Amino acid sequence: MNFPENLKYTEDHEWVKLEGNIGTIGVTDHAQGELGDIVYIDIPEPDATVNAGDSFGTIEAVKTVAEMYAPVSGKLVEVNSILNDAPETVNSDPYGEGWIVKIELSNPAELDNLMDATTYKAKLGH
């Protein structure tokens, strides 16, 4: 299992990568593995505002549907359009091409509430 050091992680198995004031968000390798084959992702259009901890969409796999929770607050500025036709990209590349949304952070200090890779890995017992 992969735990990139440059990301921050949530208790709900989302990750965020900060570039300037933009946070790229996806689900972790652990989450995609638990979900199984992902078949559909439902997320709002850009310009929607989200608050940290609130659901920003759902991810549907063959065996279940799960809520995705925003690790940070802000405005959705981009949605990964690749996932419309190839949601399984989240399974094959959860930290790369399988990213889900980009959010312009309204409160960067919220990143301090997230786990680093070492803490997340320990939480999972790895």
Protein backbone atom coordinates (compact mmCIF):
# COMPACT_ATOMS: atom_id res chain seq x y z
CA MET A 1 0.00 0.00 0.00
CA ASN A 2 1.19 3.48 -0.89
CA PHE A 3 1.41 6.43 1.57
CA PRO A 4 2.88 9.47 -0.23
CA GLU A 5 4.75 11.70 2.23
CA ASN A 6 3.73 14.97 0.51
CA LEU A 7 0.00 14.52 1.27
CA LYS A 8 -2.25 15.14 4.26
CA TYR A 9 -4.85 12.51 5.20
CA THR A 10 -8.29 12.43 6.86
CA GLU A 11 -9.89 9.93 9.22
CA ASP A 12 -12.33 9.19 6.37
CA HIS A 13 -9.51 8.18 3.96
CA GLU A 14 -9.36 11.25 1.73
CA TRP A 15 -6.06 12.93 0.90
CA VAL A 16 -5.15 16.50 0.00
CA LYS A 17 -2.10 17.85 -1.79
CA LEU A 18 -1.52 21.59 -1.45
CA GLU A 19 -0.14 23.58 -4.38
CA GLY A 20 -0.25 27.29 -3.61
CA ASN A 21 -3.79 27.92 -2.35
CA ILE A 22 -5.28 24.96 -4.27
CA GLY A 23 -5.85 21.60 -2.63
CA THR A 24 -6.10 18.57 -4.90
CA ILE A 25 -8.29 15.95 -3.23
CA GLY A 26 -8.81 12.25 -3.76
CA VAL A 27 -9.37 9.01 -1.89
CA THR A 28 -6.49 6.99 -0.50
CA ASP A 29 -5.08 3.75 -1.80
CA HIS A 30 -6.57 2.08 1.29
CA ALA A 31 -10.04 3.48 0.53
CA GLN A 32 -10.06 2.44 -3.12
CA GLY A 33 -8.93 -1.04 -2.09
CA GLU A 34 -11.73 -1.33 0.48
CA LEU A 35 -14.33 -0.06 -2.01
CA GLY A 36 -13.32 -2.41 -4.81
CA ASP A 37 -14.07 -1.66 -8.46
CA ILE A 38 -15.24 1.95 -8.71
CA VAL A 39 -17.99 2.43 -11.29
CA TYR A 40 -19.30 5.99 -10.76
CA ILE A 41 -18.40 9.24 -8.99
CA ASP A 42 -20.99 11.92 -8.22
CA ILE A 43 -19.55 15.35 -7.41
CA PRO A 44 -20.86 18.91 -7.65
CA GLU A 45 -19.96 21.27 -10.45
CA PRO A 46 -17.11 23.77 -10.01
CA ASP A 47 -17.92 26.94 -8.04
CA ALA A 48 -19.73 24.98 -5.32
CA THR A 49 -18.57 25.88 -1.81
CA VAL A 50 -17.67 23.11 0.63
CA ASN A 51 -16.86 23.09 4.33
CA ALA A 52 -14.27 20.84 5.93
CA GLY A 53 -15.94 17.63 7.10
CA ASP A 54 -18.99 18.04 4.85
CA SER A 55 -19.85 15.54 2.14
CA PHE A 56 -18.87 16.76 -1.31
CA GLY A 57 -20.14 13.78 -3.27
CA THR A 58 -20.35 10.03 -3.46
CA ILE A 59 -18.18 7.31 -4.88
CA GLU A 60 -19.94 4.19 -6.11
CA ALA A 61 -18.30 0.80 -6.33
CA VAL A 62 -19.73 -2.54 -7.39
CA LYS A 63 -20.44 -3.48 -3.76
CA THR A 64 -21.21 -0.13 -2.06
CA VAL A 65 -21.74 3.63 -2.24
CA ALA A 66 -19.66 5.85 0.05
CA GLU A 67 -19.74 9.54 0.91
CA MET A 68 -16.61 11.59 0.31
CA TYR A 69 -15.84 14.29 2.88
CA ALA A 70 -13.97 17.52 2.22
CA PRO A 71 -10.70 17.66 4.15
CA VAL A 72 -10.65 21.47 3.82
CA SER A 73 -13.10 24.33 3.25
CA GLY A 74 -13.24 26.38 0.08
CA LYS A 75 -14.58 26.68 -3.43
CA LEU A 76 -14.48 23.83 -5.95
CA VAL A 77 -12.40 25.12 -8.84
CA GLU A 78 -11.95 21.94 -10.87
CA VAL A 79 -13.48 18.48 -11.17
CA ASN A 80 -11.51 15.62 -12.72
CA SER A 81 -13.45 15.10 -15.97
CA ILE A 82 -11.49 11.90 -16.74
CA LEU A 83 -13.58 10.20 -14.05
CA ASN A 84 -16.82 10.72 -16.01
CA ASP A 85 -15.75 8.10 -18.56
CA ALA A 86 -13.15 6.22 -16.51
CA PRO A 87 -14.04 6.19 -12.78
CA GLU A 88 -11.82 3.13 -12.40
CA THR A 89 -8.85 5.51 -12.68
CA VAL A 90 -9.30 6.02 -8.92
CA ASN A 91 -8.50 2.31 -8.47
CA SER A 92 -5.47 2.28 -10.75
CA ASP A 93 -3.92 5.64 -9.78
CA PRO A 94 -5.53 7.07 -6.61
CA TYR A 95 -2.75 9.62 -5.98
CA GLY A 96 -2.21 10.67 -9.60
CA GLU A 97 -4.70 10.67 -12.47
CA GLY A 98 -7.41 9.47 -10.07
CA TRP A 99 -7.68 12.75 -8.15
CA ILE A 100 -11.29 13.87 -7.73
CA VAL A 101 -11.57 17.65 -7.15
CA LYS A 102 -9.48 20.77 -6.64
CA ILE A 103 -10.54 23.26 -3.99
CA GLU A 104 -9.36 26.83 -3.49
CA LEU A 105 -8.78 26.86 0.26
CA SER A 106 -10.61 29.47 2.31
CA ASN A 107 -8.81 28.49 5.54
CA PRO A 108 -5.36 26.91 4.97
CA ALA A 109 -4.95 26.44 8.75
CA GLU A 110 -7.40 23.51 8.46
CA LEU A 111 -4.52 21.48 7.01
CA ASP A 112 -3.09 21.39 10.55
CA ASN A 113 -6.06 19.20 11.58
CA LEU A 114 -5.09 16.47 9.08
CA MET A 115 -2.69 13.56 9.49
CA ASP A 116 0.72 13.22 7.90
CA ALA A 117 1.64 9.97 6.12
CA THR A 118 3.29 8.44 9.20
CA THR A 119 0.25 9.06 11.41
CA TYR A 120 -2.19 7.82 8.76
CA LYS A 121 -0.12 4.69 8.18
CA ALA A 122 -0.05 3.98 11.94
CA LYS A 123 -3.84 4.51 12.15
CA LEU A 124 -4.27 1.75 9.57
CA GLY A 125 -1.88 -0.51 11.45
CA HIS A 126 0.90 -0.47 8.83
